[in-house]
Structures are given as C-alpha cells and as structure tokens.
C-alpha cells in the first residue's frame, strides 16, 4: 500500500529546516519525492506571485503523477483548513496510508519571528494575521482528525532542535513524552477520549 507523507504545521514552524535535518539523519528517506511549492518557487529564481502560481501548478502536476502511479511521496502543507483534510481523506480512499509529521511551537510569536527572519534573508513573507490564523486553526483541525490516519507524529519545534512529543497510530496513542507542552495535550484531547 503506498504512503502519503505530510510535513504539516503553520508557517514558521520550521518544516523545511526539519525536513533537511530529517533527511540528513536518515529519519526521512532521501529518495522519497518531496513536493513543496516554496522550494519549487525558489527553483524558478524568486518568490514572485507569478513564480508561486507556476510552482503551485507544477506541484499539482507532480502530485497527480504520483497519485496515478500509486507512488509514495511527501508534501508540505499547513493543514489549516477542512478542505486540506477532505483532500487527504480522498487520497486515503484511493488506497494510500497517511503519515503526518505535525510541527508546532509553544507560542505563535516564535512562528512570526521565524518568518520575519526568513524574509530578512531573502525568503518569502506571510502576513502576520495569516500566520496567527493558521497557527490557531491548524491545531484545531488536527485535534479533530488525527485519529483517522495510520500514523501521526507530534513534534515540538519551539527551540532550534525539534523534539518528538507523541505518536499516534490508527487513533491509538502509542508514545507520549512526559511534561509535554499544552499544545500536545490539546491535540491529543479527542484521541484520549476515544482510547478510553
């Protein structure tokens, strides 16, 4: 059965940094295709609106190719809207197992400051209200949906080093770090109730 891997979390959670480290350390397979609109746009030379549109179109083509071939692949997503989860559920119905690596921080100010730093280094900007909205809704949607997937890893990226906080497999909590931040407890609330 093929697997869709989703590197998820709000803007500024550190998804690209985590991905690069995870590949270098062998946690994510280097040969696993990774579809990331930001990286595609960067390959076009700049973060212009035109290049983002081109990158989005290219990402859709790549994803369609992998889905048609029933091939394993990874995408990057905020997972901050119900439409995101509806699409993931449709992919699962097609015959894919879904693994989510959900990155989150203890405070949205961490995300906002990371995006500001990225912009100062030539990266693309995301308006602060959008970061705040995705930070809030992303966790809410995850909490309501995480029991539906084969495997979900909750990863705290509040500091420079990512810390694995919990793992859920097919709705069952199989690992939880002691003294987890409040966001982890919130994310696991429904799963805990279903596990009783």
C-alpha atoms as a PDB file:
ATOM      1  CA  UNK A   1       0.000   0.000   0.000  1.00  0.00           C
ATOM      2  CA  UNK A   2       1.506   3.381  -0.947  1.00  0.00           C
ATOM      3  CA  UNK A   3       2.026   6.084   1.649  1.00  0.00           C
ATOM      4  CA  UNK A   4       1.361   9.813   1.534  1.00  0.00           C
ATOM      5  CA  UNK A   5       3.688  11.562   3.972  1.00  0.00           C
ATOM      6  CA  UNK A   6       2.607  15.052   5.041  1.00  0.00           C
ATOM      7  CA  UNK A   7       5.006  17.527   6.593  1.00  0.00           C
ATOM      8  CA  UNK A   8       2.493  19.779   8.320  1.00  0.00           C
ATOM      9  CA  UNK A   9       2.262  22.790  10.578  1.00  0.00           C
ATOM     10  CA  UNK A  10       1.708  26.534  10.468  1.00  0.00           C
ATOM     11  CA  UNK A  11       4.028  28.962   8.713  1.00  0.00           C
ATOM     12  CA  UNK A  12       7.203  29.451  10.714  1.00  0.00           C
ATOM     13  CA  UNK A  13       7.003  26.057  12.410  1.00  0.00           C
ATOM     14  CA  UNK A  14      10.302  25.063  10.795  1.00  0.00           C
ATOM     15  CA  UNK A  15       9.037  22.486   8.294  1.00  0.00           C
ATOM     16  CA  UNK A  16      11.779  22.956   5.691  1.00  0.00           C
ATOM     17  CA  UNK A  17      14.537  23.000   8.333  1.00  0.00           C
ATOM     18  CA  UNK A  18      13.085  19.867   9.929  1.00  0.00           C
ATOM     19  CA  UNK A  19      12.875  18.148   6.546  1.00  0.00           C
ATOM     20  CA  UNK A  20      16.510  18.891   5.694  1.00  0.00           C
ATOM     21  CA  UNK A  21      17.704  17.643   9.105  1.00  0.00           C
ATOM     22  CA  UNK A  22      15.467  14.554   8.994  1.00  0.00           C
ATOM     23  CA  UNK A  23      16.787  13.591   5.543  1.00  0.00           C
ATOM     24  CA  UNK A  24      20.418  14.138   6.636  1.00  0.00           C
ATOM     25  CA  UNK A  25      19.843  11.978   9.723  1.00  0.00           C
ATOM     26  CA  UNK A  26      18.033   9.228   7.805  1.00  0.00           C
ATOM     27  CA  UNK A  27      14.681   9.746   9.524  1.00  0.00           C
ATOM     28  CA  UNK A  28      13.071  10.606   6.179  1.00  0.00           C
ATOM     29  CA  UNK A  29      14.285   8.665   3.146  1.00  0.00           C
ATOM     30  CA  UNK A  30      16.334  10.840   0.821  1.00  0.00           C
ATOM     31  CA  UNK A  31      14.793   9.224  -2.277  1.00  0.00           C
ATOM     32  CA  UNK A  32      11.199   9.903  -1.125  1.00  0.00           C
ATOM     33  CA  UNK A  33       9.822  12.501  -3.585  1.00  0.00           C
ATOM     34  CA  UNK A  34       9.048  15.767  -1.772  1.00  0.00           C
ATOM     35  CA  UNK A  35       6.540  18.182  -3.317  1.00  0.00           C
ATOM     36  CA  UNK A  36       6.942  21.631  -1.780  1.00  0.00           C
ATOM     37  CA  UNK A  37       5.545  24.724  -3.514  1.00  0.00           C
ATOM     38  CA  UNK A  38       8.016  27.017  -1.722  1.00  0.00           C
ATOM     39  CA  UNK A  39      11.024  25.023  -2.926  1.00  0.00           C
ATOM     40  CA  UNK A  40       9.629  24.831  -6.460  1.00  0.00           C
ATOM     41  CA  UNK A  41       9.093  28.620  -6.486  1.00  0.00           C
ATOM     42  CA  UNK A  42      12.655  29.112  -5.233  1.00  0.00           C
ATOM     43  CA  UNK A  43      13.916  26.978  -8.130  1.00  0.00           C
ATOM     44  CA  UNK A  44      12.290  29.483 -10.522  1.00  0.00           C
ATOM     45  CA  UNK A  45      14.583  32.195  -9.164  1.00  0.00           C
ATOM     46  CA  UNK A  46      12.401  34.309  -6.892  1.00  0.00           C
ATOM     47  CA  UNK A  47       9.323  34.357  -4.704  1.00  0.00           C
ATOM     48  CA  UNK A  48       7.186  36.457  -7.043  1.00  0.00           C
ATOM     49  CA  UNK A  49       3.420  35.926  -7.284  1.00  0.00           C
ATOM     50  CA  UNK A  50       3.929  34.643 -10.824  1.00  0.00           C
ATOM     51  CA  UNK A  51       6.507  32.088  -9.699  1.00  0.00           C
ATOM     52  CA  UNK A  52       4.272  30.930  -6.850  1.00  0.00           C
ATOM     53  CA  UNK A  53       1.455  30.354  -9.344  1.00  0.00           C
ATOM     54  CA  UNK A  54       3.816  28.435 -11.633  1.00  0.00           C
ATOM     55  CA  UNK A  55       5.083  26.463  -8.616  1.00  0.00           C
ATOM     56  CA  UNK A  56       1.544  25.634  -7.495  1.00  0.00           C
ATOM     57  CA  UNK A  57       0.707  24.351 -10.973  1.00  0.00           C
ATOM     58  CA  UNK A  58       3.905  22.292 -11.061  1.00  0.00           C
ATOM     59  CA  UNK A  59       3.182  20.846  -7.607  1.00  0.00           C
ATOM     60  CA  UNK A  60      -0.308  19.780  -8.716  1.00  0.00           C
ATOM     61  CA  UNK A  61       1.175  18.039 -11.763  1.00  0.00           C
ATOM     62  CA  UNK A  62       3.757  16.212  -9.644  1.00  0.00           C
ATOM     63  CA  UNK A  63       1.161  15.129  -7.082  1.00  0.00           C
ATOM     64  CA  UNK A  64      -1.154  13.905  -9.855  1.00  0.00           C
ATOM     65  CA  UNK A  65       1.667  11.866 -11.371  1.00  0.00           C
ATOM     66  CA  UNK A  66       2.495  10.202  -8.036  1.00  0.00           C
ATOM     67  CA  UNK A  67      -1.164   9.503  -7.268  1.00  0.00           C
ATOM     68  CA  UNK A  68      -1.796   7.970 -10.695  1.00  0.00           C
ATOM     69  CA  UNK A  69       1.254   5.737 -10.253  1.00  0.00           C
ATOM     70  CA  UNK A  70       0.255   4.888  -6.632  1.00  0.00           C
ATOM     71  CA  UNK A  71       3.761   6.003  -5.623  1.00  0.00           C
ATOM     72  CA  UNK A  72       4.947   7.010  -2.144  1.00  0.00           C
ATOM     73  CA  UNK A  73       5.590  10.743  -1.805  1.00  0.00           C
ATOM     74  CA  UNK A  74       5.687  13.616   0.675  1.00  0.00           C
ATOM     75  CA  UNK A  75       4.015  17.016   0.571  1.00  0.00           C
ATOM     76  CA  UNK A  76       4.307  20.116   2.709  1.00  0.00           C
ATOM     77  CA  UNK A  77       1.060  21.654   3.985  1.00  0.00           C
ATOM     78  CA  UNK A  78      -0.264  23.940   6.691  1.00  0.00           C
ATOM     79  CA  UNK A  79      -3.243  21.558   7.175  1.00  0.00           C
ATOM     80  CA  UNK A  80      -5.192  24.554   8.429  1.00  0.00           C
ATOM     81  CA  UNK A  81      -8.485  24.140   6.529  1.00  0.00           C
ATOM     82  CA  UNK A  82     -11.104  21.413   6.358  1.00  0.00           C
ATOM     83  CA  UNK A  83     -10.500  21.241   2.578  1.00  0.00           C
ATOM     84  CA  UNK A  84      -6.948  20.063   3.329  1.00  0.00           C
ATOM     85  CA  UNK A  85      -8.293  17.148   5.360  1.00  0.00           C
ATOM     86  CA  UNK A  86     -11.005  16.378   2.808  1.00  0.00           C
ATOM     87  CA  UNK A  87      -8.296  16.039   0.150  1.00  0.00           C
ATOM     88  CA  UNK A  88      -6.191  13.814   2.421  1.00  0.00           C
ATOM     89  CA  UNK A  89      -9.227  11.607   3.125  1.00  0.00           C
ATOM     90  CA  UNK A  90      -9.865  11.318  -0.631  1.00  0.00           C
ATOM     91  CA  UNK A  91      -6.265  10.199  -1.136  1.00  0.00           C
ATOM     92  CA  UNK A  92      -6.686   7.645   1.664  1.00  0.00           C
ATOM     93  CA  UNK A  93      -9.846   6.286  -0.017  1.00  0.00           C
ATOM     94  CA  UNK A  94      -7.796   5.871  -3.188  1.00  0.00           C
ATOM     95  CA  UNK A  95      -5.680   3.336  -1.285  1.00  0.00           C
ATOM     96  CA  UNK A  96      -2.997   5.390   0.425  1.00  0.00           C
ATOM     97  CA  UNK A  97      -1.870   5.139   4.012  1.00  0.00           C
ATOM     98  CA  UNK A  98      -1.275   8.586   5.524  1.00  0.00           C
ATOM     99  CA  UNK A  99       1.576   9.570   7.831  1.00  0.00           C
ATOM    100  CA  UNK A 100       1.589  13.102   9.258  1.00  0.00           C
ATOM    101  CA  UNK A 101       4.586  14.838  10.798  1.00  0.00           C
ATOM    102  CA  UNK A 102       2.906  17.758  12.601  1.00  0.00           C
ATOM    103  CA  UNK A 103       5.268  20.536  13.682  1.00  0.00           C
ATOM    104  CA  UNK A 104       4.127  23.173  16.148  1.00  0.00           C
ATOM    105  CA  UNK A 105       5.534  25.694  18.615  1.00  0.00           C
ATOM    106  CA  UNK A 106       4.534  26.743  22.111  1.00  0.00           C
ATOM    107  CA  UNK A 107       3.794  30.320  21.032  1.00  0.00           C
ATOM    108  CA  UNK A 108       2.813  31.919  17.734  1.00  0.00           C
ATOM    109  CA  UNK A 109       5.418  34.649  18.294  1.00  0.00           C
ATOM    110  CA  UNK A 110       8.094  32.022  17.528  1.00  0.00           C
ATOM    111  CA  UNK A 111       6.484  31.443  14.120  1.00  0.00           C
ATOM    112  CA  UNK A 112       6.097  35.158  13.407  1.00  0.00           C
ATOM    113  CA  UNK A 113       9.754  35.853  14.268  1.00  0.00           C
ATOM    114  CA  UNK A 114      10.956  32.965  12.097  1.00  0.00           C
ATOM    115  CA  UNK A 115       9.028  34.264   9.103  1.00  0.00           C
ATOM    116  CA  UNK A 116      10.481  37.767   9.690  1.00  0.00           C
ATOM    117  CA  UNK A 117      13.970  36.244   9.809  1.00  0.00           C
ATOM    118  CA  UNK A 118      13.306  34.308   6.603  1.00  0.00           C
ATOM    119  CA  UNK A 119      12.187  37.499   4.855  1.00  0.00           C
ATOM    120  CA  UNK A 120      15.328  39.343   6.031  1.00  0.00           C
ATOM    121  CA  UNK A 121      17.345  36.533   4.416  1.00  0.00           C
ATOM    122  CA  UNK A 122      15.517  36.872   1.077  1.00  0.00           C
ATOM    123  CA  UNK A 123      12.693  34.370   1.692  1.00  0.00           C
ATOM    124  CA  UNK A 124       9.001  34.875   1.130  1.00  0.00           C
ATOM    125  CA  UNK A 125       6.703  36.697   3.509  1.00  0.00           C
ATOM    126  CA  UNK A 126       3.404  35.622   5.060  1.00  0.00           C
ATOM    127  CA  UNK A 127       1.275  38.376   6.666  1.00  0.00           C
ATOM    128  CA  UNK A 128       1.102  38.105  10.453  1.00  0.00           C
ATOM    129  CA  UNK A 129      -2.728  37.688  10.600  1.00  0.00           C
ATOM    130  CA  UNK A 130      -2.456  34.671   8.280  1.00  0.00           C
ATOM    131  CA  UNK A 131       0.273  33.109  10.436  1.00  0.00           C
ATOM    132  CA  UNK A 132      -1.877  33.630  13.540  1.00  0.00           C
ATOM    133  CA  UNK A 133      -4.965  32.199  11.854  1.00  0.00           C
ATOM    134  CA  UNK A 134      -3.160  29.091  10.564  1.00  0.00           C
ATOM    135  CA  UNK A 135      -1.495  28.598  13.943  1.00  0.00           C
ATOM    136  CA  UNK A 136      -4.880  28.516  15.657  1.00  0.00           C
ATOM    137  CA  UNK A 137      -6.931  26.597  13.090  1.00  0.00           C
ATOM    138  CA  UNK A 138      -4.184  24.106  12.241  1.00  0.00           C
ATOM    139  CA  UNK A 139      -4.167  22.680  15.758  1.00  0.00           C
ATOM    140  CA  UNK A 140      -7.951  22.675  15.947  1.00  0.00           C
ATOM    141  CA  UNK A 141      -8.323  20.700  12.713  1.00  0.00           C
ATOM    142  CA  UNK A 142      -5.546  18.300  13.690  1.00  0.00           C
ATOM    143  CA  UNK A 143      -7.233  17.574  17.017  1.00  0.00           C
ATOM    144  CA  UNK A 144     -10.457  16.650  15.207  1.00  0.00           C
ATOM    145  CA  UNK A 145      -8.786  14.498  12.552  1.00  0.00           C
ATOM    146  CA  UNK A 146      -5.627  12.865  13.869  1.00  0.00           C
ATOM    147  CA  UNK A 147      -7.339   9.622  14.846  1.00  0.00           C
ATOM    148  CA  UNK A 148      -8.159   8.985  11.159  1.00  0.00           C
ATOM    149  CA  UNK A 149      -4.602   8.356   9.974  1.00  0.00           C
ATOM    150  CA  UNK A 150      -2.168   5.464  10.047  1.00  0.00           C
ATOM    151  CA  UNK A 151       0.459   7.415  11.945  1.00  0.00           C
ATOM    152  CA  UNK A 152       0.791  10.944  13.323  1.00  0.00           C
ATOM    153  CA  UNK A 153       3.951  12.302  14.924  1.00  0.00           C
ATOM    154  CA  UNK A 154       3.642  15.434  17.064  1.00  0.00           C
ATOM    155  CA  UNK A 155       6.896  17.386  17.004  1.00  0.00           C
ATOM    156  CA  UNK A 156       7.636  20.493  19.052  1.00  0.00           C
ATOM    157  CA  UNK A 157       9.825  22.988  17.184  1.00  0.00           C
ATOM    158  CA  UNK A 158       9.745  25.827  19.701  1.00  0.00           C
ATOM    159  CA  UNK A 159      13.525  25.661  20.042  1.00  0.00           C
ATOM    160  CA  UNK A 160      16.250  25.086  17.446  1.00  0.00           C
ATOM    161  CA  UNK A 161      16.136  21.319  17.989  1.00  0.00           C
ATOM    162  CA  UNK A 162      12.897  19.503  17.156  1.00  0.00           C
ATOM    163  CA  UNK A 163      11.558  17.258  19.931  1.00  0.00           C
ATOM    164  CA  UNK A 164       9.232  14.312  19.323  1.00  0.00           C
ATOM    165  CA  UNK A 165       6.350  14.669  21.746  1.00  0.00           C
ATOM    166  CA  UNK A 166       3.855  11.961  20.835  1.00  0.00           C
ATOM    167  CA  UNK A 167       2.993   9.300  18.300  1.00  0.00           C
ATOM    168  CA  UNK A 168      -0.495   8.164  17.375  1.00  0.00           C
ATOM    169  CA  UNK A 169      -1.065   5.037  15.283  1.00  0.00           C
ATOM    170  CA  UNK A 170      -4.535   4.390  13.872  1.00  0.00           C
ATOM    171  CA  UNK A 171      -6.035   6.595  16.583  1.00  0.00           C
ATOM    172  CA  UNK A 172      -4.135   4.989  19.487  1.00  0.00           C
ATOM    173  CA  UNK A 173      -1.585   6.983  21.446  1.00  0.00           C
ATOM    174  CA  UNK A 174       1.496   4.725  21.417  1.00  0.00           C
ATOM    175  CA  UNK A 175       4.018   7.225  22.786  1.00  0.00           C
ATOM    176  CA  UNK A 176       3.804  10.454  24.736  1.00  0.00           C
ATOM    177  CA  UNK A 177       6.726  12.335  26.221  1.00  0.00           C
ATOM    178  CA  UNK A 178       6.404  13.334  29.872  1.00  0.00           C
ATOM    179  CA  UNK A 179       5.780  17.015  30.561  1.00  0.00           C
ATOM    180  CA  UNK A 180       4.530  17.853  27.096  1.00  0.00           C
ATOM    181  CA  UNK A 181       3.620  21.433  26.192  1.00  0.00           C
ATOM    182  CA  UNK A 182      -0.031  22.468  26.347  1.00  0.00           C
ATOM    183  CA  UNK A 183      -0.489  22.225  22.563  1.00  0.00           C
ATOM    184  CA  UNK A 184       0.278  18.483  22.644  1.00  0.00           C
ATOM    185  CA  UNK A 185      -2.338  17.869  25.331  1.00  0.00           C
ATOM    186  CA  UNK A 186      -4.836  19.863  23.277  1.00  0.00           C
ATOM    187  CA  UNK A 187      -4.021  17.912  20.108  1.00  0.00           C
ATOM    188  CA  UNK A 188      -4.474  14.592  21.933  1.00  0.00           C
ATOM    189  CA  UNK A 189      -7.717  15.518  23.708  1.00  0.00           C
ATOM    190  CA  UNK A 190     -10.107  13.681  21.354  1.00  0.00           C
ATOM    191  CA  UNK A 191      -7.749  10.717  20.883  1.00  0.00           C
ATOM    192  CA  UNK A 192      -7.534  10.288  24.654  1.00  0.00           C
ATOM    193  CA  UNK A 193     -11.306  10.170  24.907  1.00  0.00           C
ATOM    194  CA  UNK A 194     -11.541   7.651  22.064  1.00  0.00           C
ATOM    195  CA  UNK A 195      -8.844   5.489  23.717  1.00  0.00           C
ATOM    196  CA  UNK A 196     -10.879   5.096  26.927  1.00  0.00           C
END
